[in-house]
Amino acid sequence: MKQILLITDGCSNVGESPVSAAAQAFAEGITVNVAGVVDEGTIGEHGAREIGEIAKAGGGMSRIVQTRQLSQTVQMMTRQTVAGTIRQAVNQELKQLFGLESVGALPPAKRAEVVKVMDELEETSELRVALLIDTSASMKPKLHAVEEAVRDLALSLEARIGSSAVAVFHYPGEFGHLPCALDCDWTSDAGHLPLLFSRIKMKGTTPTGPALLQVVDYFRETCGKIRSELAEAPAYGRGDAGEVRSDYVV
């Protein structure tokens, strides 16, 4: 499973539409979640609307949060996206096999078995999360909260049974010719992350759309290599004709 988790205070102002970029990511199997970071005030109508539209186009979820809520929100969105992806795959399988619309349509005993498998898959499926962090000037007061959220997410991914990795980008990029900069290549070690933010300079415009497209390119270039280097999640095989377990591919 592949996710982009965008952390921003909204209002992109350079390059391609971030909504179109998120739609392209989703078309390539990458879910886009968006955490909109605010203080005690509001993010503004335009920023809030854009955040919601990006997440909707990217097949993900959006949350407008205060800085003290960011770490919990980032972890929650990551886990809920995993659970939702698995639920969708299982429901599709049930519909193909038995013509059922959802797990809830199964008899209680079978439902309990499938729910157990879904819970196991949440912890064992391979997961890649690319964090894309808005470091335009307006985000400067929120950088410490973002740093904590990134660290806590990495620690939560370490605790999963399945193969997990996080990569970290910030935008705008340092040199202008690229919309965002790669701060940390795929890693499953939270210890690699604490020093990232000391190098980031808060400045410039907000090229959210181009930055999303660059992260999509990164997924294209690296995911094959990642899958060959890290352990795959255990497979759940098809049982006898009376069982619902199948070759779930998420």
C-alpha atoms as a PDB file:
ATOM      1  CA  MET A   1       0.000   0.000   0.000  1.00  0.00           C
ATOM      2  CA  LYS A   2       1.257   3.448  -0.924  1.00  0.00           C
ATOM      3  CA  GLN A   3       0.346   6.759   0.664  1.00  0.00           C
ATOM      4  CA  ILE A   4       1.333  10.395   0.361  1.00  0.00           C
ATOM      5  CA  LEU A   5       0.662  12.328   3.547  1.00  0.00           C
ATOM      6  CA  LEU A   6       0.686  16.055   2.829  1.00  0.00           C
ATOM      7  CA  ILE A   7       1.122  18.451   5.761  1.00  0.00           C
ATOM      8  CA  THR A   8       0.299  22.042   4.825  1.00  0.00           C
ATOM      9  CA  ASP A   9      -1.496  25.201   5.884  1.00  0.00           C
ATOM     10  CA  GLY A  10      -3.074  25.464   2.446  1.00  0.00           C
ATOM     11  CA  CYS A  11      -3.223  27.853  -0.476  1.00  0.00           C
ATOM     12  CA  SER A  12      -0.839  26.574  -3.159  1.00  0.00           C
ATOM     13  CA  ASN A  13       0.205  29.336  -5.531  1.00  0.00           C
ATOM     14  CA  VAL A  14       2.647  27.936  -8.095  1.00  0.00           C
ATOM     15  CA  GLY A  15       2.353  25.421 -10.935  1.00  0.00           C
ATOM     16  CA  GLU A  16      -0.129  22.647 -11.589  1.00  0.00           C
ATOM     17  CA  SER A  17      -3.333  22.253  -9.632  1.00  0.00           C
ATOM     18  CA  PRO A  18      -2.710  20.123  -6.521  1.00  0.00           C
ATOM     19  CA  VAL A  19      -6.168  18.609  -7.026  1.00  0.00           C
ATOM     20  CA  SER A  20      -5.196  17.339 -10.489  1.00  0.00           C
ATOM     21  CA  ALA A  21      -1.870  16.095  -9.117  1.00  0.00           C
ATOM     22  CA  ALA A  22      -3.638  14.189  -6.334  1.00  0.00           C
ATOM     23  CA  ALA A  23      -6.009  12.619  -8.871  1.00  0.00           C
ATOM     24  CA  GLN A  24      -3.002  11.432 -10.891  1.00  0.00           C
ATOM     25  CA  ALA A  25      -1.448   9.927  -7.755  1.00  0.00           C
ATOM     26  CA  PHE A  26      -4.661   8.054  -6.958  1.00  0.00           C
ATOM     27  CA  ALA A  27      -4.888   6.774 -10.528  1.00  0.00           C
ATOM     28  CA  GLU A  28      -1.467   5.201  -9.987  1.00  0.00           C
ATOM     29  CA  GLY A  29      -2.504   3.493  -6.754  1.00  0.00           C
ATOM     30  CA  ILE A  30      -1.224   6.119  -4.300  1.00  0.00           C
ATOM     31  CA  THR A  31      -3.654   7.477  -1.715  1.00  0.00           C
ATOM     32  CA  VAL A  32      -3.239  11.151  -0.781  1.00  0.00           C
ATOM     33  CA  ASN A  33      -4.129  12.238   2.763  1.00  0.00           C
ATOM     34  CA  VAL A  34      -3.891  15.891   3.839  1.00  0.00           C
ATOM     35  CA  ALA A  35      -3.379  17.345   7.320  1.00  0.00           C
ATOM     36  CA  GLY A  36      -4.123  21.064   7.379  1.00  0.00           C
ATOM     37  CA  VAL A  37      -2.229  22.650  10.268  1.00  0.00           C
ATOM     38  CA  VAL A  38      -3.714  25.675  12.036  1.00  0.00           C
ATOM     39  CA  ASP A  39      -3.197  27.500  15.289  1.00  0.00           C
ATOM     40  CA  GLU A  40      -6.126  28.824  17.283  1.00  0.00           C
ATOM     41  CA  GLY A  41      -7.546  30.675  14.275  1.00  0.00           C
ATOM     42  CA  THR A  42      -8.788  29.288  10.941  1.00  0.00           C
ATOM     43  CA  ILE A  43      -6.935  28.303   7.824  1.00  0.00           C
ATOM     44  CA  GLY A  44      -9.154  30.458   5.625  1.00  0.00           C
ATOM     45  CA  GLU A  45     -11.913  29.370   3.308  1.00  0.00           C
ATOM     46  CA  HIS A  46      -9.723  28.935   0.232  1.00  0.00           C
ATOM     47  CA  GLY A  47      -7.066  26.902   2.037  1.00  0.00           C
ATOM     48  CA  ALA A  48      -9.586  24.666   3.778  1.00  0.00           C
ATOM     49  CA  ARG A  49     -11.486  24.066   0.549  1.00  0.00           C
ATOM     50  CA  GLU A  50      -8.286  23.215  -1.315  1.00  0.00           C
ATOM     51  CA  ILE A  51      -7.199  20.747   1.380  1.00  0.00           C
ATOM     52  CA  GLY A  52     -10.519  18.938   1.178  1.00  0.00           C
ATOM     53  CA  GLU A  53     -10.442  18.836  -2.622  1.00  0.00           C
ATOM     54  CA  ILE A  54      -6.888  17.465  -2.698  1.00  0.00           C
ATOM     55  CA  ALA A  55      -7.777  14.612  -0.349  1.00  0.00           C
ATOM     56  CA  LYS A  56     -11.009  13.812  -2.207  1.00  0.00           C
ATOM     57  CA  ALA A  57      -9.198  13.666  -5.559  1.00  0.00           C
ATOM     58  CA  GLY A  58      -6.462  11.541  -3.986  1.00  0.00           C
ATOM     59  CA  GLY A  59      -8.901   8.995  -2.568  1.00  0.00           C
ATOM     60  CA  GLY A  60      -7.869   9.894   0.981  1.00  0.00           C
ATOM     61  CA  MET A  61      -9.016  11.956   3.918  1.00  0.00           C
ATOM     62  CA  SER A  62      -8.380  15.470   5.163  1.00  0.00           C
ATOM     63  CA  ARG A  63      -8.281  16.940   8.636  1.00  0.00           C
ATOM     64  CA  ILE A  64      -7.930  20.547   9.763  1.00  0.00           C
ATOM     65  CA  VAL A  65      -6.038  20.409  13.059  1.00  0.00           C
ATOM     66  CA  GLN A  66      -4.263  22.559  15.591  1.00  0.00           C
ATOM     67  CA  THR A  67      -0.555  21.914  16.059  1.00  0.00           C
ATOM     68  CA  ARG A  68      -1.032  20.001  19.312  1.00  0.00           C
ATOM     69  CA  GLN A  69      -3.271  17.508  17.481  1.00  0.00           C
ATOM     70  CA  LEU A  70      -1.010  16.923  14.497  1.00  0.00           C
ATOM     71  CA  SER A  71       0.935  13.849  15.638  1.00  0.00           C
ATOM     72  CA  GLN A  72      -2.193  11.936  16.641  1.00  0.00           C
ATOM     73  CA  THR A  73      -3.957  12.961  13.417  1.00  0.00           C
ATOM     74  CA  VAL A  74      -1.090  11.839  11.156  1.00  0.00           C
ATOM     75  CA  GLN A  75      -1.024   8.390  12.779  1.00  0.00           C
ATOM     76  CA  MET A  76      -4.814   8.101  12.662  1.00  0.00           C
ATOM     77  CA  MET A  77      -5.036   8.970   8.960  1.00  0.00           C
ATOM     78  CA  THR A  78      -2.276   6.512   8.086  1.00  0.00           C
ATOM     79  CA  ARG A  79      -3.982   3.652   9.915  1.00  0.00           C
ATOM     80  CA  GLN A  80      -7.483   4.489   8.697  1.00  0.00           C
ATOM     81  CA  THR A  81      -6.263   4.562   5.099  1.00  0.00           C
ATOM     82  CA  VAL A  82      -4.717   1.098   5.523  1.00  0.00           C
ATOM     83  CA  ALA A  83      -7.934  -0.224   7.070  1.00  0.00           C
ATOM     84  CA  GLY A  84     -10.089   1.361   4.363  1.00  0.00           C
ATOM     85  CA  THR A  85      -7.957  -0.044   1.558  1.00  0.00           C
ATOM     86  CA  ILE A  86      -8.144  -3.548   3.027  1.00  0.00           C
ATOM     87  CA  ARG A  87     -11.884  -3.261   3.604  1.00  0.00           C
ATOM     88  CA  GLN A  88     -12.428  -2.197   0.003  1.00  0.00           C
ATOM     89  CA  ALA A  89     -10.343  -5.101  -1.315  1.00  0.00           C
ATOM     90  CA  VAL A  90     -12.164  -7.627   0.864  1.00  0.00           C
ATOM     91  CA  ASN A  91     -15.581  -6.279  -0.135  1.00  0.00           C
ATOM     92  CA  GLN A  92     -14.632  -6.528  -3.822  1.00  0.00           C
ATOM     93  CA  GLU A  93     -13.535 -10.123  -3.274  1.00  0.00           C
ATOM     94  CA  LEU A  94     -16.790 -10.990  -1.502  1.00  0.00           C
ATOM     95  CA  LYS A  95     -18.814  -9.454  -4.304  1.00  0.00           C
ATOM     96  CA  GLN A  96     -16.922 -11.419  -6.948  1.00  0.00           C
ATOM     97  CA  LEU A  97     -17.084 -14.725  -5.055  1.00  0.00           C
ATOM     98  CA  PHE A  98     -20.538 -14.605  -3.508  1.00  0.00           C
ATOM     99  CA  GLY A  99     -22.343 -11.529  -4.801  1.00  0.00           C
ATOM    100  CA  LEU A 100     -22.256  -9.933  -1.333  1.00  0.00           C
ATOM    101  CA  GLU A 101     -21.936  -6.171  -0.990  1.00  0.00           C
ATOM    102  CA  SER A 102     -19.888  -6.097   2.224  1.00  0.00           C
ATOM    103  CA  VAL A 103     -18.515  -8.082   5.155  1.00  0.00           C
ATOM    104  CA  GLY A 104     -21.625  -7.129   7.102  1.00  0.00           C
ATOM    105  CA  ALA A 105     -23.730  -9.356   4.816  1.00  0.00           C
ATOM    106  CA  LEU A 106     -21.907 -12.516   5.934  1.00  0.00           C
ATOM    107  CA  PRO A 107     -23.281 -14.875   8.591  1.00  0.00           C
ATOM    108  CA  PRO A 108     -21.882 -13.992  12.042  1.00  0.00           C
ATOM    109  CA  ALA A 109     -19.333 -16.832  12.222  1.00  0.00           C
ATOM    110  CA  LYS A 110     -17.896 -16.108   8.755  1.00  0.00           C
ATOM    111  CA  ARG A 111     -17.985 -12.368   9.443  1.00  0.00           C
ATOM    112  CA  ALA A 112     -15.857 -12.856  12.565  1.00  0.00           C
ATOM    113  CA  GLU A 113     -13.336 -14.890  10.585  1.00  0.00           C
ATOM    114  CA  VAL A 114     -13.036 -12.295   7.832  1.00  0.00           C
ATOM    115  CA  VAL A 115     -12.753  -9.438  10.315  1.00  0.00           C
ATOM    116  CA  LYS A 116      -9.911 -11.315  12.017  1.00  0.00           C
ATOM    117  CA  VAL A 117      -8.104 -11.654   8.685  1.00  0.00           C
ATOM    118  CA  MET A 118      -8.644  -7.954   7.973  1.00  0.00           C
ATOM    119  CA  ASP A 119      -7.175  -7.024  11.358  1.00  0.00           C
ATOM    120  CA  GLU A 120      -4.142  -9.198  10.645  1.00  0.00           C
ATOM    121  CA  LEU A 121      -3.672  -7.600   7.228  1.00  0.00           C
ATOM    122  CA  GLU A 122      -3.708  -4.125   8.769  1.00  0.00           C
ATOM    123  CA  GLU A 123      -0.589  -5.069  10.720  1.00  0.00           C
ATOM    124  CA  THR A 124       1.167  -7.266   8.150  1.00  0.00           C
ATOM    125  CA  SER A 125       0.607  -5.605   4.756  1.00  0.00           C
ATOM    126  CA  GLU A 126       3.538  -3.787   3.205  1.00  0.00           C
ATOM    127  CA  LEU A 127       3.187  -0.022   3.689  1.00  0.00           C
ATOM    128  CA  ARG A 128       5.006   2.962   2.181  1.00  0.00           C
ATOM    129  CA  VAL A 129       4.252   6.483   3.406  1.00  0.00           C
ATOM    130  CA  ALA A 130       5.815   9.516   1.706  1.00  0.00           C
ATOM    131  CA  LEU A 131       5.503  12.587   3.922  1.00  0.00           C
ATOM    132  CA  LEU A 132       5.336  15.822   1.946  1.00  0.00           C
ATOM    133  CA  ILE A 133       5.799  18.856   4.186  1.00  0.00           C
ATOM    134  CA  ASP A 134       4.941  22.435   3.292  1.00  0.00           C
ATOM    135  CA  THR A 135       7.878  24.576   4.467  1.00  0.00           C
ATOM    136  CA  SER A 136       6.743  27.884   3.031  1.00  0.00           C
ATOM    137  CA  ALA A 137       7.288  30.861   5.341  1.00  0.00           C
ATOM    138  CA  SER A 138       3.818  30.677   6.895  1.00  0.00           C
ATOM    139  CA  MET A 139       4.556  27.178   8.252  1.00  0.00           C
ATOM    140  CA  LYS A 140       7.574  28.263  10.329  1.00  0.00           C
ATOM    141  CA  PRO A 141       5.724  28.462  13.681  1.00  0.00           C
ATOM    142  CA  LYS A 142       4.393  24.946  13.120  1.00  0.00           C
ATOM    143  CA  LEU A 143       7.645  23.195  12.230  1.00  0.00           C
ATOM    144  CA  HIS A 144       8.259  21.778  15.722  1.00  0.00           C
ATOM    145  CA  ALA A 145       4.832  20.124  15.722  1.00  0.00           C
ATOM    146  CA  VAL A 146       5.524  18.701  12.248  1.00  0.00           C
ATOM    147  CA  GLU A 147       8.850  17.311  13.469  1.00  0.00           C
ATOM    148  CA  GLU A 148       7.143  15.559  16.373  1.00  0.00           C
ATOM    149  CA  ALA A 149       4.458  14.159  14.077  1.00  0.00           C
ATOM    150  CA  VAL A 150       7.043  12.722  11.667  1.00  0.00           C
ATOM    151  CA  ARG A 151       8.989  11.096  14.495  1.00  0.00           C
ATOM    152  CA  ASP A 152       5.889   9.625  16.116  1.00  0.00           C
ATOM    153  CA  LEU A 153       4.621   8.266  12.795  1.00  0.00           C
ATOM    154  CA  ALA A 154       7.952   6.591  12.111  1.00  0.00           C
ATOM    155  CA  LEU A 155       7.882   4.997  15.580  1.00  0.00           C
ATOM    156  CA  SER A 156       4.337   3.722  15.026  1.00  0.00           C
ATOM    157  CA  LEU A 157       5.368   2.188  11.693  1.00  0.00           C
ATOM    158  CA  GLU A 158       8.319   0.479  13.382  1.00  0.00           C
ATOM    159  CA  ALA A 159       5.832  -1.212  15.709  1.00  0.00           C
ATOM    160  CA  ARG A 160       3.938  -2.828  12.815  1.00  0.00           C
ATOM    161  CA  ILE A 161       4.584  -6.471  12.014  1.00  0.00           C
ATOM    162  CA  GLY A 162       4.606  -5.907   8.262  1.00  0.00           C
ATOM    163  CA  SER A 163       7.249  -4.178   6.201  1.00  0.00           C
ATOM    164  CA  SER A 164       6.912  -0.404   6.573  1.00  0.00           C
ATOM    165  CA  ALA A 165       8.979   2.537   5.397  1.00  0.00           C
ATOM    166  CA  VAL A 166       8.705   6.307   5.364  1.00  0.00           C
ATOM    167  CA  ALA A 167      10.296   8.890   3.090  1.00  0.00           C
ATOM    168  CA  VAL A 168      10.297  12.623   3.827  1.00  0.00           C
ATOM    169  CA  PHE A 169      10.097  15.526   1.367  1.00  0.00           C
ATOM    170  CA  HIS A 170       9.688  19.253   1.896  1.00  0.00           C
ATOM    171  CA  TYR A 171       8.670  21.988  -0.496  1.00  0.00           C
ATOM    172  CA  PRO A 172       9.569  24.392  -2.011  1.00  0.00           C
ATOM    173  CA  GLY A 173      12.900  22.825  -2.983  1.00  0.00           C
ATOM    174  CA  GLU A 174      16.214  24.374  -2.067  1.00  0.00           C
ATOM    175  CA  PHE A 175      17.433  25.330  -5.518  1.00  0.00           C
ATOM    176  CA  GLY A 176      14.331  26.332  -7.442  1.00  0.00           C
ATOM    177  CA  HIS A 177      14.624  23.854 -10.317  1.00  0.00           C
ATOM    178  CA  LEU A 178      12.752  21.152  -8.382  1.00  0.00           C
ATOM    179  CA  PRO A 179       9.464  21.805  -6.593  1.00  0.00           C
ATOM    180  CA  CYS A 180      10.412  19.749  -3.536  1.00  0.00           C
ATOM    181  CA  ALA A 181      13.482  18.259  -1.884  1.00  0.00           C
ATOM    182  CA  LEU A 182      14.013  14.689  -0.646  1.00  0.00           C
ATOM    183  CA  ASP A 183      15.147  14.865   2.981  1.00  0.00           C
ATOM    184  CA  CYS A 184      15.123  11.157   3.779  1.00  0.00           C
ATOM    185  CA  ASP A 185      15.007   8.198   1.401  1.00  0.00           C
ATOM    186  CA  TRP A 186      12.857   5.202   2.327  1.00  0.00           C
ATOM    187  CA  THR A 187      13.726   4.100   5.839  1.00  0.00           C
ATOM    188  CA  SER A 188      12.191   1.879   8.487  1.00  0.00           C
ATOM    189  CA  ASP A 189      14.425   3.361  11.205  1.00  0.00           C
ATOM    190  CA  ALA A 190      12.908   6.284  13.123  1.00  0.00           C
ATOM    191  CA  GLY A 191      16.396   7.117  14.376  1.00  0.00           C
ATOM    192  CA  HIS A 192      17.276   8.492  10.936  1.00  0.00           C
ATOM    193  CA  LEU A 193      14.734  11.306  11.180  1.00  0.00           C
ATOM    194  CA  PRO A 194      15.501  13.654  14.129  1.00  0.00           C
ATOM    195  CA  LEU A 195      18.172  15.719  12.358  1.00  0.00           C
ATOM    196  CA  LEU A 196      16.178  16.376   9.186  1.00  0.00           C
ATOM    197  CA  PHE A 197      14.533  19.577  10.266  1.00  0.00           C
ATOM    198  CA  SER A 198      17.680  21.416  11.307  1.00  0.00           C
ATOM    199  CA  ARG A 199      18.593  21.706   7.616  1.00  0.00           C
ATOM    200  CA  ILE A 200      15.257  23.061   6.377  1.00  0.00           C
ATOM    201  CA  LYS A 201      14.928  26.750   5.589  1.00  0.00           C
ATOM    202  CA  MET A 202      11.383  28.067   5.758  1.00  0.00           C
ATOM    203  CA  LYS A 203      10.863  30.259   2.729  1.00  0.00           C
ATOM    204  CA  GLY A 204       9.352  30.844  -0.652  1.00  0.00           C
ATOM    205  CA  THR A 205       6.199  29.978  -2.516  1.00  0.00           C
ATOM    206  CA  THR A 206       3.836  26.993  -2.167  1.00  0.00           C
ATOM    207  CA  PRO A 207       4.095  24.695  -5.236  1.00  0.00           C
ATOM    208  CA  THR A 208       1.883  21.945  -3.825  1.00  0.00           C
ATOM    209  CA  GLY A 209       0.796  20.485  -7.186  1.00  0.00           C
ATOM    210  CA  PRO A 210       4.308  20.182  -8.662  1.00  0.00           C
ATOM    211  CA  ALA A 211       5.587  18.772  -5.371  1.00  0.00           C
ATOM    212  CA  LEU A 212       2.922  16.049  -5.370  1.00  0.00           C
ATOM    213  CA  LEU A 213       3.816  15.101  -8.936  1.00  0.00           C
ATOM    214  CA  GLN A 214       7.496  14.861  -7.993  1.00  0.00           C
ATOM    215  CA  VAL A 215       6.645  12.468  -5.145  1.00  0.00           C
ATOM    216  CA  VAL A 216       4.567  10.374  -7.573  1.00  0.00           C
ATOM    217  CA  ASP A 217       7.658  10.169  -9.808  1.00  0.00           C
ATOM    218  CA  TYR A 218       9.667   9.036  -6.781  1.00  0.00           C
ATOM    219  CA  PHE A 219       7.218   6.196  -6.135  1.00  0.00           C
ATOM    220  CA  ARG A 220       7.536   5.127  -9.769  1.00  0.00           C
ATOM    221  CA  GLU A 221      11.330   5.113  -9.558  1.00  0.00           C
ATOM    222  CA  THR A 222      11.738   3.356  -6.204  1.00  0.00           C
ATOM    223  CA  CYS A 223       8.869   1.071  -5.338  1.00  0.00           C
ATOM    224  CA  GLY A 224      10.090  -1.880  -7.366  1.00  0.00           C
ATOM    225  CA  LYS A 225      13.451  -1.714  -5.646  1.00  0.00           C
ATOM    226  CA  ILE A 226      11.844  -1.433  -2.239  1.00  0.00           C
ATOM    227  CA  ARG A 227       9.690  -4.478  -2.746  1.00  0.00           C
ATOM    228  CA  SER A 228      12.730  -6.549  -3.669  1.00  0.00           C
ATOM    229  CA  GLU A 229      14.737  -5.426  -0.618  1.00  0.00           C
ATOM    230  CA  LEU A 230      12.174  -5.590   2.171  1.00  0.00           C
ATOM    231  CA  ALA A 231      10.182  -8.585   3.329  1.00  0.00           C
ATOM    232  CA  GLU A 232       6.764  -9.003   1.818  1.00  0.00           C
ATOM    233  CA  ALA A 233       3.702  -9.247   4.050  1.00  0.00           C
ATOM    234  CA  PRO A 234       2.536 -12.842   4.570  1.00  0.00           C
ATOM    235  CA  ALA A 235       0.024 -14.118   2.050  1.00  0.00           C
ATOM    236  CA  TYR A 236      -3.409 -15.357   2.990  1.00  0.00           C
ATOM    237  CA  GLY A 237      -4.269 -18.324   0.830  1.00  0.00           C
ATOM    238  CA  ARG A 238      -7.584 -19.538  -0.418  1.00  0.00           C
ATOM    239  CA  GLY A 239      -9.100 -22.190   1.779  1.00  0.00           C
ATOM    240  CA  ASP A 240     -11.767 -24.694   0.887  1.00  0.00           C
ATOM    241  CA  ALA A 241     -14.850 -23.700  -1.056  1.00  0.00           C
ATOM    242  CA  GLY A 242     -16.758 -22.809   2.112  1.00  0.00           C
ATOM    243  CA  GLU A 243     -14.179 -20.290   3.350  1.00  0.00           C
ATOM    244  CA  VAL A 244     -13.971 -16.642   2.458  1.00  0.00           C
ATOM    245  CA  ARG A 245     -10.210 -16.222   2.808  1.00  0.00           C
ATOM    246  CA  SER A 246      -8.752 -15.441  -0.543  1.00  0.00           C
ATOM    247  CA  ASP A 247      -5.635 -14.160  -2.270  1.00  0.00           C
ATOM    248  CA  TYR A 248      -6.063 -10.628  -1.062  1.00  0.00           C
ATOM    249  CA  VAL A 249      -3.939  -8.188  -2.984  1.00  0.00           C
ATOM    250  CA  VAL A 250      -3.895  -4.685  -1.490  1.00  0.00           C
END
